[in-house]
Amino acid sequence: MGRIVFFIFGCILWVVLTQVFYPEYIVAGLVVVLLATLVFGKGFTDVPLKFLNPRRYFWAAVYIPFFIWYMIEANLDVAFRVLSPERPIKPGIVKIKTSLKTDTAKTFLANSITLTPGTMTVDIDGEYLYVHWIDIKTEDIEEASKIIAGRFERFLRRIFE
C-alpha cells in the first residue's frame, strides 16, 4: 500500500512541477516515478492512508509560507552577521529534544532547521537532534528546543502525526 501511495504522490508531484502535458513527458515521468517507487517506496510511510486526510494538506499549505518567512528572516540575520563584524557569533553544536514521533516528521524538522541559515542539523538520535547553531543563545536542551524547533514542530505534528 505504501508503494501505491508513493507512486500516486510522485505522479502528482511530477505533473505539478513540470506542468507539461506532452505524452513523452508523461511517459518519462511515469518511468522515473516507477523507478523511484521500486527503490524508495517501501520506506515511504508506515500508514499510507494518512495521506488521504485533507487536514494534512491544509496544514502543509499553511506551513509553506510560514517556513519561507523564517527562512528569509534567518537569511537576513546571517547576512547582517557577515556584513557587521560587531554582531556576535558564538557557533557550536547544541542538543535539542523533539516531541515528534514519526521518522518522516523528524526528517522534515531536520530539513526545516537545516534550510534556515544559521542552523544545520548534524544528527538525529531518537528524540534528540544535534544542531550546529551560528549563535548559541542557550545550552539548555528545553530552551534551545523551543528556540530552534518549537515554531516548526506545531505544524509538522499536524501534517505528519
Protein backbone atom coordinates (compact mmCIF):
# COMPACT_ATOMS: atom_id res chain seq x y z
CA MET A 1 0.00 0.00 0.00
CA GLY A 2 2.88 2.36 0.81
CA ARG A 3 4.34 1.90 -2.66
CA ILE A 4 0.98 2.69 -4.29
CA VAL A 5 0.67 5.92 -2.29
CA PHE A 6 4.28 6.79 -3.13
CA PHE A 7 3.64 6.21 -6.84
CA ILE A 8 0.46 8.33 -6.86
CA PHE A 9 2.12 11.07 -4.82
CA GLY A 10 5.16 11.01 -7.15
CA CYS A 11 3.00 11.23 -10.28
CA ILE A 12 1.08 14.20 -8.89
CA LEU A 13 4.34 15.88 -7.88
CA TRP A 14 5.81 15.27 -11.36
CA VAL A 15 2.81 16.88 -13.06
CA VAL A 16 2.77 19.84 -10.66
CA LEU A 17 6.50 20.51 -11.03
CA THR A 18 6.79 20.04 -14.80
CA GLN A 19 3.38 21.39 -15.86
CA VAL A 20 3.96 19.85 -19.28
CA PHE A 21 1.35 17.51 -20.72
CA TYR A 22 3.06 16.11 -23.81
CA PRO A 23 2.89 12.30 -24.00
CA GLU A 24 6.67 11.85 -23.93
CA TYR A 25 6.94 13.91 -20.71
CA ILE A 26 4.13 11.95 -19.09
CA VAL A 27 5.79 8.62 -20.04
CA ALA A 28 9.18 9.85 -18.80
CA GLY A 29 7.56 10.93 -15.53
CA LEU A 30 5.85 7.58 -15.10
CA VAL A 31 9.13 5.75 -15.68
CA VAL A 32 11.04 7.96 -13.22
CA VAL A 33 8.33 7.68 -10.58
CA LEU A 34 8.09 3.92 -11.08
CA LEU A 35 11.85 3.53 -10.59
CA ALA A 36 11.74 5.77 -7.52
CA THR A 37 8.83 3.73 -6.19
CA LEU A 38 10.74 0.48 -6.60
CA VAL A 39 13.79 1.89 -4.83
CA PHE A 40 12.27 4.12 -2.13
CA GLY A 41 8.58 3.24 -1.93
CA LYS A 42 8.80 0.67 0.84
CA GLY A 43 10.14 3.10 3.42
CA PHE A 44 7.90 6.00 2.41
CA THR A 45 5.28 5.69 5.14
CA ASP A 46 4.12 3.26 7.78
CA VAL A 47 0.46 4.23 7.47
CA PRO A 48 -0.20 5.26 3.84
CA LEU A 49 -3.90 6.01 4.41
CA LYS A 50 -2.88 9.08 6.44
CA PHE A 51 -2.18 10.78 3.12
CA LEU A 52 -5.89 10.76 2.33
CA ASN A 53 -6.66 13.15 5.19
CA PRO A 54 -7.31 16.64 3.69
CA ARG A 55 -6.48 18.29 7.03
CA ARG A 56 -2.84 17.39 6.46
CA TYR A 57 -2.81 19.19 3.11
CA PHE A 58 -4.35 22.28 4.68
CA TRP A 59 -1.63 22.42 7.35
CA ALA A 60 1.07 21.78 4.72
CA ALA A 61 -0.27 24.74 2.72
CA VAL A 62 -0.14 26.87 5.88
CA TYR A 63 3.35 25.64 6.76
CA ILE A 64 5.00 26.55 3.46
CA PRO A 65 4.64 30.37 3.70
CA PHE A 66 5.35 30.18 7.45
CA PHE A 67 8.59 28.33 6.73
CA ILE A 68 9.54 30.70 3.90
CA TRP A 69 9.10 33.67 6.26
CA TYR A 70 11.50 32.17 8.83
CA MET A 71 13.93 31.19 6.08
CA ILE A 72 14.04 34.81 4.83
CA GLU A 73 14.42 36.09 8.38
CA ALA A 74 17.33 33.69 9.02
CA ASN A 75 18.97 34.67 5.71
CA LEU A 76 18.86 38.33 6.71
CA ASP A 77 20.27 37.53 10.16
CA VAL A 78 23.21 35.63 8.70
CA ALA A 79 23.80 38.34 6.09
CA PHE A 80 23.91 41.03 8.80
CA ARG A 81 26.35 38.91 10.83
CA VAL A 82 28.63 38.62 7.79
CA LEU A 83 28.44 42.33 6.95
CA SER A 84 28.69 43.56 10.56
CA PRO A 85 31.74 42.18 12.36
CA GLU A 86 30.47 43.55 15.69
CA ARG A 87 27.45 41.19 15.63
CA PRO A 88 28.09 38.26 17.94
CA ILE A 89 28.90 34.84 16.60
CA LYS A 90 29.13 32.01 19.10
CA PRO A 91 28.99 28.83 16.98
CA GLY A 92 28.60 25.38 18.39
CA ILE A 93 26.53 22.22 18.44
CA VAL A 94 23.51 22.04 20.73
CA LYS A 95 21.28 19.13 21.61
CA ILE A 96 17.55 19.69 21.20
CA LYS A 97 14.63 17.43 22.01
CA THR A 98 11.71 16.89 19.68
CA SER A 99 8.25 15.69 20.58
CA LEU A 100 7.65 14.40 17.04
CA LYS A 101 7.22 10.64 16.90
CA THR A 102 7.47 9.56 13.26
CA ASP A 103 10.70 9.38 11.29
CA THR A 104 9.13 11.36 8.45
CA ALA A 105 8.19 14.21 10.78
CA LYS A 106 11.67 14.22 12.34
CA THR A 107 13.24 14.28 8.88
CA PHE A 108 11.11 17.24 7.83
CA LEU A 109 12.01 19.02 11.08
CA ALA A 110 15.72 18.36 10.50
CA ASN A 111 15.46 19.65 6.93
CA SER A 112 13.48 22.71 8.02
CA ILE A 113 16.17 23.52 10.58
CA THR A 114 18.96 23.00 8.04
CA LEU A 115 17.25 25.10 5.37
CA THR A 116 17.08 28.11 7.69
CA PRO A 117 20.55 29.68 7.54
CA GLY A 118 22.46 29.81 10.79
CA THR A 119 21.42 26.32 11.83
CA MET A 120 22.23 22.89 10.45
CA THR A 121 21.07 19.53 11.73
CA VAL A 122 24.06 17.28 12.21
CA ASP A 123 22.45 14.11 13.59
CA ILE A 124 19.15 12.62 14.74
CA ASP A 125 19.33 10.22 17.67
CA GLY A 126 15.89 9.04 18.76
CA GLU A 127 14.07 12.05 20.13
CA TYR A 128 17.17 14.26 20.07
CA LEU A 129 18.61 16.32 17.26
CA TYR A 130 22.11 17.73 17.25
CA VAL A 131 22.15 21.13 15.60
CA HIS A 132 25.05 23.38 14.66
CA TRP A 133 23.94 26.90 15.63
CA ILE A 134 25.75 30.02 14.46
CA ASP A 135 24.99 31.95 17.66
CA ILE A 136 24.25 29.75 20.66
CA LYS A 137 21.80 31.62 22.85
CA THR A 138 21.42 28.82 25.40
CA GLU A 139 22.79 25.37 26.06
CA ASP A 140 19.67 24.25 27.95
CA ILE A 141 18.00 21.47 25.94
CA GLU A 142 14.43 22.65 26.57
CA GLU A 143 15.14 26.31 25.81
CA ALA A 144 17.20 25.52 22.71
CA SER A 145 14.45 23.16 21.52
CA LYS A 146 11.89 25.91 21.92
CA ILE A 147 14.00 28.48 20.05
CA ILE A 148 15.17 26.27 17.18
CA ALA A 149 12.42 23.70 16.62
CA GLY A 150 9.34 24.88 18.51
CA ARG A 151 7.93 27.02 15.74
CA PHE A 152 8.19 24.18 13.19
CA GLU A 153 7.04 21.28 15.38
CA ARG A 154 3.49 22.51 15.90
CA PHE A 155 2.85 22.47 12.13
CA LEU A 156 4.77 19.27 11.40
CA ARG A 157 2.85 17.43 14.12
CA ARG A 158 -0.43 18.32 12.39
CA ILE A 159 0.91 17.32 8.99
CA PHE A 160 2.68 14.05 9.78
CA GLU A 161 1.27 12.63 13.02
